[in-house]
Amino acid sequence: LDFTSSGPLLRTAEYVEQHATVFIT
């Protein structure tokens, strides 16, 4: 996988986005 657009970084960013309150805190 391309590590940016469809790979681990996107999955990481999506996970952070879904749990934004925890990460912002």
PDB file of all heavy atoms in Angstrom:
ATOM      1  N   LEU A   1       0.829  -1.198   0.000  1.00  0.00           N
ATOM      2  CA  LEU A   1       0.000   0.000   0.000  1.00  0.00           C
ATOM      3  C   LEU A   1       0.860   1.244   0.000  1.00  0.00           C
ATOM      4  O   LEU A   1       1.927   1.275   0.590  1.00  0.00           O
ATOM      5  CB  LEU A   1      -0.881   0.016   1.255  1.00  0.00           C
ATOM      6  CG  LEU A   1      -1.929  -1.081   1.369  1.00  0.00           C
ATOM      7  CD1 LEU A   1      -2.615  -0.985   2.728  1.00  0.00           C
ATOM      8  CD2 LEU A   1      -2.959  -0.963   0.265  1.00  0.00           C
ATOM      9  N   ASP A   2       0.385   2.288  -0.636  1.00  0.00           N
ATOM     10  CA  ASP A   2       0.991   3.605  -0.531  1.00  0.00           C
ATOM     11  C   ASP A   2       0.797   4.033   0.916  1.00  0.00           C
ATOM     12  O   ASP A   2      -0.315   4.090   1.405  1.00  0.00           O
ATOM     13  CB  ASP A   2       0.279   4.548  -1.496  1.00  0.00           C
ATOM     14  CG  ASP A   2       0.689   5.997  -1.333  1.00  0.00           C
ATOM     15  OD1 ASP A   2       1.649   6.278  -0.592  1.00  0.00           O
ATOM     16  OD2 ASP A   2       0.036   6.842  -1.957  1.00  0.00           O
ATOM     17  N   PHE A   3       1.875   4.314   1.626  1.00  0.00           N
ATOM     18  CA  PHE A   3       1.772   4.563   3.056  1.00  0.00           C
ATOM     19  C   PHE A   3       1.004   5.826   3.396  1.00  0.00           C
ATOM     20  O   PHE A   3       0.628   6.044   4.524  1.00  0.00           O
ATOM     21  CB  PHE A   3       3.156   4.595   3.706  1.00  0.00           C
ATOM     22  CG  PHE A   3       3.946   5.832   3.384  1.00  0.00           C
ATOM     23  CD1 PHE A   3       3.888   6.935   4.212  1.00  0.00           C
ATOM     24  CD2 PHE A   3       4.758   5.886   2.262  1.00  0.00           C
ATOM     25  CE1 PHE A   3       4.623   8.066   3.917  1.00  0.00           C
ATOM     26  CE2 PHE A   3       5.491   7.010   1.977  1.00  0.00           C
ATOM     27  CZ  PHE A   3       5.420   8.099   2.802  1.00  0.00           C
ATOM     28  N   THR A   4       0.701   6.678   2.445  1.00  0.00           N
ATOM     29  CA  THR A   4      -0.024   7.907   2.743  1.00  0.00           C
ATOM     30  C   THR A   4      -1.495   7.782   2.373  1.00  0.00           C
ATOM     31  O   THR A   4      -2.334   7.613   3.236  1.00  0.00           O
ATOM     32  CB  THR A   4       0.609   9.099   2.007  1.00  0.00           C
ATOM     33  OG1 THR A   4       0.750   8.782   0.630  1.00  0.00           O
ATOM     34  CG2 THR A   4       1.952   9.454   2.598  1.00  0.00           C
ATOM     35  N   SER A   5      -1.811   7.831   1.084  1.00  0.00           N
ATOM     36  CA  SER A   5      -3.200   7.983   0.671  1.00  0.00           C
ATOM     37  C   SER A   5      -4.108   6.832   1.078  1.00  0.00           C
ATOM     38  O   SER A   5      -5.241   7.056   1.457  1.00  0.00           O
ATOM     39  CB  SER A   5      -3.277   8.191  -0.838  1.00  0.00           C
ATOM     40  OG  SER A   5      -2.762   7.074  -1.513  1.00  0.00           O
ATOM     41  N   SER A   6      -3.645   5.599   1.007  1.00  0.00           N
ATOM     42  CA  SER A   6      -4.543   4.490   1.317  1.00  0.00           C
ATOM     43  C   SER A   6      -3.963   3.554   2.370  1.00  0.00           C
ATOM     44  O   SER A   6      -4.515   2.512   2.623  1.00  0.00           O
ATOM     45  CB  SER A   6      -4.838   3.691   0.046  1.00  0.00           C
ATOM     46  OG  SER A   6      -3.637   3.142  -0.455  1.00  0.00           O
ATOM     47  N   GLY A   7      -2.879   3.945   2.951  1.00  0.00           N
ATOM     48  CA  GLY A   7      -2.203   3.049   3.872  1.00  0.00           C
ATOM     49  C   GLY A   7      -2.305   3.433   5.330  1.00  0.00           C
ATOM     50  O   GLY A   7      -3.289   4.022   5.774  1.00  0.00           O
ATOM     51  N   PRO A   8      -1.271   3.078   6.061  1.00  0.00           N
ATOM     52  CA  PRO A   8      -1.277   3.237   7.513  1.00  0.00           C
ATOM     53  C   PRO A   8      -1.484   4.664   8.002  1.00  0.00           C
ATOM     54  O   PRO A   8      -2.164   4.869   9.007  1.00  0.00           O
ATOM     55  CB  PRO A   8       0.103   2.734   7.940  1.00  0.00           C
ATOM     56  CG  PRO A   8       0.594   1.914   6.811  1.00  0.00           C
ATOM     57  CD  PRO A   8      -0.073   2.435   5.580  1.00  0.00           C
ATOM     58  N   LEU A   9      -0.942   5.659   7.331  1.00  0.00           N
ATOM     59  CA  LEU A   9      -1.129   7.029   7.806  1.00  0.00           C
ATOM     60  C   LEU A   9      -2.581   7.458   7.703  1.00  0.00           C
ATOM     61  O   LEU A   9      -3.097   8.138   8.590  1.00  0.00           O
ATOM     62  CB  LEU A   9      -0.239   8.007   7.051  1.00  0.00           C
ATOM     63  CG  LEU A   9       1.226   8.034   7.453  1.00  0.00           C
ATOM     64  CD1 LEU A   9       1.987   9.050   6.620  1.00  0.00           C
ATOM     65  CD2 LEU A   9       1.399   8.322   8.924  1.00  0.00           C
ATOM     66  N   LEU A  10      -3.261   7.077   6.634  1.00  0.00           N
ATOM     67  CA  LEU A  10      -4.680   7.416   6.509  1.00  0.00           C
ATOM     68  C   LEU A  10      -5.476   6.706   7.593  1.00  0.00           C
ATOM     69  O   LEU A  10      -6.322   7.317   8.247  1.00  0.00           O
ATOM     70  CB  LEU A  10      -5.218   7.078   5.130  1.00  0.00           C
ATOM     71  CG  LEU A  10      -6.716   7.361   4.921  1.00  0.00           C
ATOM     72  CD1 LEU A  10      -7.049   8.825   5.196  1.00  0.00           C
ATOM     73  CD2 LEU A  10      -7.138   6.970   3.518  1.00  0.00           C
ATOM     74  N   ARG A  11      -5.197   5.424   7.806  1.00  0.00           N
ATOM     75  CA  ARG A  11      -5.906   4.696   8.865  1.00  0.00           C
ATOM     76  C   ARG A  11      -5.634   5.321  10.231  1.00  0.00           C
ATOM     77  O   ARG A  11      -6.528   5.434  11.064  1.00  0.00           O
ATOM     78  CB  ARG A  11      -5.520   3.217   8.848  1.00  0.00           C
ATOM     79  CG  ARG A  11      -6.063   2.470   7.631  1.00  0.00           C
ATOM     80  CD  ARG A  11      -5.932   0.959   7.769  1.00  0.00           C
ATOM     81  NE  ARG A  11      -4.575   0.514   8.021  1.00  0.00           N
ATOM     82  CZ  ARG A  11      -3.676   0.231   7.088  1.00  0.00           C
ATOM     83  NH1 ARG A  11      -3.986   0.379   5.812  1.00  0.00           N
ATOM     84  NH2 ARG A  11      -2.474  -0.197   7.413  1.00  0.00           N
ATOM     85  N   THR A  12      -4.401   5.761  10.460  1.00  0.00           N
ATOM     86  CA  THR A  12      -4.053   6.411  11.720  1.00  0.00           C
ATOM     87  C   THR A  12      -4.826   7.723  11.871  1.00  0.00           C
ATOM     88  O   THR A  12      -5.424   7.985  12.920  1.00  0.00           O
ATOM     89  CB  THR A  12      -2.537   6.683  11.794  1.00  0.00           C
ATOM     90  OG1 THR A  12      -1.846   5.440  11.708  1.00  0.00           O
ATOM     91  CG2 THR A  12      -2.165   7.375  13.086  1.00  0.00           C
ATOM     92  N   ALA A  13      -4.825   8.546  10.835  1.00  0.00           N
ATOM     93  CA  ALA A  13      -5.533   9.826  10.888  1.00  0.00           C
ATOM     94  C   ALA A  13      -7.035   9.619  11.076  1.00  0.00           C
ATOM     95  O   ALA A  13      -7.687  10.353  11.836  1.00  0.00           O
ATOM     96  CB  ALA A  13      -5.251  10.642   9.630  1.00  0.00           C
ATOM     97  N   GLU A  14      -7.599   8.630  10.405  1.00  0.00           N
ATOM     98  CA  GLU A  14      -9.026   8.345  10.573  1.00  0.00           C
ATOM     99  C   GLU A  14      -9.333   7.897  11.994  1.00  0.00           C
ATOM    100  O   GLU A  14     -10.349   8.288  12.571  1.00  0.00           O
ATOM    101  CB  GLU A  14      -9.480   7.293   9.556  1.00  0.00           C
ATOM    102  CG  GLU A  14      -9.535   7.826   8.148  1.00  0.00           C
ATOM    103  CD  GLU A  14      -9.805   6.759   7.097  1.00  0.00           C
ATOM    104  OE1 GLU A  14      -9.586   5.556   7.358  1.00  0.00           O
ATOM    105  OE2 GLU A  14     -10.222   7.148   5.991  1.00  0.00           O
ATOM    106  N   TYR A  15      -8.449   7.098  12.574  1.00  0.00           N
ATOM    107  CA  TYR A  15      -8.629   6.655  13.956  1.00  0.00           C
ATOM    108  C   TYR A  15      -8.574   7.853  14.904  1.00  0.00           C
ATOM    109  O   TYR A  15      -9.411   7.991  15.795  1.00  0.00           O
ATOM    110  CB  TYR A  15      -7.558   5.627  14.334  1.00  0.00           C
ATOM    111  CG  TYR A  15      -7.740   5.059  15.720  1.00  0.00           C
ATOM    112  CD1 TYR A  15      -8.554   3.940  15.919  1.00  0.00           C
ATOM    113  CD2 TYR A  15      -7.118   5.631  16.819  1.00  0.00           C
ATOM    114  CE1 TYR A  15      -8.734   3.419  17.187  1.00  0.00           C
ATOM    115  CE2 TYR A  15      -7.288   5.116  18.093  1.00  0.00           C
ATOM    116  CZ  TYR A  15      -8.095   4.006  18.268  1.00  0.00           C
ATOM    117  OH  TYR A  15      -8.270   3.499  19.528  1.00  0.00           O
ATOM    118  N   VAL A  16      -7.601   8.732  14.717  1.00  0.00           N
ATOM    119  CA  VAL A  16      -7.482   9.936  15.544  1.00  0.00           C
ATOM    120  C   VAL A  16      -8.730  10.795  15.372  1.00  0.00           C
ATOM    121  O   VAL A  16      -9.277  11.319  16.354  1.00  0.00           O
ATOM    122  CB  VAL A  16      -6.201  10.725  15.199  1.00  0.00           C
ATOM    123  CG1 VAL A  16      -6.207  12.100  15.855  1.00  0.00           C
ATOM    124  CG2 VAL A  16      -4.965   9.933  15.618  1.00  0.00           C
ATOM    125  N   GLU A  17      -9.192  10.931  14.140  1.00  0.00           N
ATOM    126  CA  GLU A  17     -10.387  11.727  13.864  1.00  0.00           C
ATOM    127  C   GLU A  17     -11.603  11.155  14.590  1.00  0.00           C
ATOM    128  O   GLU A  17     -12.384  11.896  15.192  1.00  0.00           O
ATOM    129  CB  GLU A  17     -10.628  11.753  12.352  1.00  0.00           C
ATOM    130  CG  GLU A  17     -11.716  12.690  11.883  1.00  0.00           C
ATOM    131  CD  GLU A  17     -11.781  12.741  10.358  1.00  0.00           C
ATOM    132  OE1 GLU A  17     -11.841  11.670   9.719  1.00  0.00           O
ATOM    133  OE2 GLU A  17     -11.756  13.856   9.826  1.00  0.00           O
ATOM    134  N   GLN A  18     -11.751   9.831  14.582  1.00  0.00           N
ATOM    135  CA  GLN A  18     -12.879   9.175  15.248  1.00  0.00           C
ATOM    136  C   GLN A  18     -12.798   9.308  16.771  1.00  0.00           C
ATOM    137  O   GLN A  18     -13.822   9.268  17.451  1.00  0.00           O
ATOM    138  CB  GLN A  18     -12.931   7.694  14.874  1.00  0.00           C
ATOM    139  CG  GLN A  18     -13.303   7.456  13.435  1.00  0.00           C
ATOM    140  CD  GLN A  18     -13.053   6.014  13.001  1.00  0.00           C
ATOM    141  OE1 GLN A  18     -12.609   5.177  13.778  1.00  0.00           O
ATOM    142  NE2 GLN A  18     -13.336   5.735  11.738  1.00  0.00           N
ATOM    143  N   HIS A  19     -11.604   9.434  17.308  1.00  0.00           N
ATOM    144  CA  HIS A  19     -11.390   9.537  18.759  1.00  0.00           C
ATOM    145  C   HIS A  19     -10.776  10.892  19.115  1.00  0.00           C
ATOM    146  O   HIS A  19      -9.948  10.999  20.017  1.00  0.00           O
ATOM    147  CB  HIS A  19     -10.490   8.396  19.230  1.00  0.00           C
ATOM    148  CG  HIS A  19     -11.064   7.041  18.947  1.00  0.00           C
ATOM    149  ND1 HIS A  19     -10.825   6.384  17.762  1.00  0.00           N
ATOM    150  CD2 HIS A  19     -11.901   6.255  19.657  1.00  0.00           C
ATOM    151  CE1 HIS A  19     -11.479   5.228  17.768  1.00  0.00           C
ATOM    152  NE2 HIS A  19     -12.139   5.127  18.901  1.00  0.00           N
ATOM    153  N   ALA A  20     -11.209  11.931  18.392  1.00  0.00           N
ATOM    154  CA  ALA A  20     -10.608  13.264  18.518  1.00  0.00           C
ATOM    155  C   ALA A  20     -10.596  13.785  19.949  1.00  0.00           C
ATOM    156  O   ALA A  20      -9.597  14.353  20.398  1.00  0.00           O
ATOM    157  CB  ALA A  20     -11.341  14.250  17.611  1.00  0.00           C
ATOM    158  N   THR A  21     -11.669  13.588  20.673  1.00  0.00           N
ATOM    159  CA  THR A  21     -11.750  14.114  22.041  1.00  0.00           C
ATOM    160  C   THR A  21     -10.626  13.568  22.907  1.00  0.00           C
ATOM    161  O   THR A  21      -9.980  14.318  23.647  1.00  0.00           O
ATOM    162  CB  THR A  21     -13.113  13.759  22.675  1.00  0.00           C
ATOM    163  OG1 THR A  21     -14.143  14.230  21.813  1.00  0.00           O
ATOM    164  CG2 THR A  21     -13.265  14.399  24.034  1.00  0.00           C
ATOM    165  N   VAL A  22     -10.354  12.288  22.791  1.00  0.00           N
ATOM    166  CA  VAL A  22      -9.287  11.663  23.580  1.00  0.00           C
ATOM    167  C   VAL A  22      -7.935  12.249  23.203  1.00  0.00           C
ATOM    168  O   VAL A  22      -7.140  12.613  24.077  1.00  0.00           O
ATOM    169  CB  VAL A  22      -9.278  10.128  23.359  1.00  0.00           C
ATOM    170  CG1 VAL A  22      -8.072   9.492  24.019  1.00  0.00           C
ATOM    171  CG2 VAL A  22     -10.566   9.520  23.854  1.00  0.00           C
ATOM    172  N   PHE A  23      -7.658  12.374  21.915  1.00  0.00           N
ATOM    173  CA  PHE A  23      -6.350  12.858  21.470  1.00  0.00           C
ATOM    174  C   PHE A  23      -6.159  14.343  21.760  1.00  0.00           C
ATOM    175  O   PHE A  23      -5.069  14.763  22.135  1.00  0.00           O
ATOM    176  CB  PHE A  23      -6.131  12.520  19.994  1.00  0.00           C
ATOM    177  CG  PHE A  23      -5.876  11.063  19.779  1.00  0.00           C
ATOM    178  CD1 PHE A  23      -6.901  10.210  19.411  1.00  0.00           C
ATOM    179  CD2 PHE A  23      -4.617  10.528  19.994  1.00  0.00           C
ATOM    180  CE1 PHE A  23      -6.668   8.852  19.247  1.00  0.00           C
ATOM    181  CE2 PHE A  23      -4.379   9.176  19.824  1.00  0.00           C
ATOM    182  CZ  PHE A  23      -5.408   8.340  19.454  1.00  0.00           C
ATOM    183  N   ILE A  24      -7.210  15.138  21.615  1.00  0.00           N
ATOM    184  CA  ILE A  24      -7.099  16.565  21.937  1.00  0.00           C
ATOM    185  C   ILE A  24      -6.836  16.737  23.432  1.00  0.00           C
ATOM    186  O   ILE A  24      -5.987  17.529  23.837  1.00  0.00           O
ATOM    187  CB  ILE A  24      -8.363  17.328  21.477  1.00  0.00           C
ATOM    188  CG1 ILE A  24      -8.389  17.390  19.954  1.00  0.00           C
ATOM    189  CG2 ILE A  24      -8.403  18.732  22.081  1.00  0.00           C
ATOM    190  CD1 ILE A  24      -9.694  17.884  19.360  1.00  0.00           C
ATOM    191  N   THR A  25      -7.528  15.964  24.263  1.00  0.00           N
ATOM    192  CA  THR A  25      -7.293  16.004  25.712  1.00  0.00           C
ATOM    193  C   THR A  25      -5.874  15.571  26.037  1.00  0.00           C
ATOM    194  O   THR A  25      -5.191  16.211  26.839  1.00  0.00           O
ATOM    195  CB  THR A  25      -8.310  15.109  26.447  1.00  0.00           C
ATOM    196  OG1 THR A  25      -9.631  15.581  26.146  1.00  0.00           O
ATOM    197  CG2 THR A  25      -8.077  15.126  27.945  1.00  0.00           C
TER     198      THR A  25
END
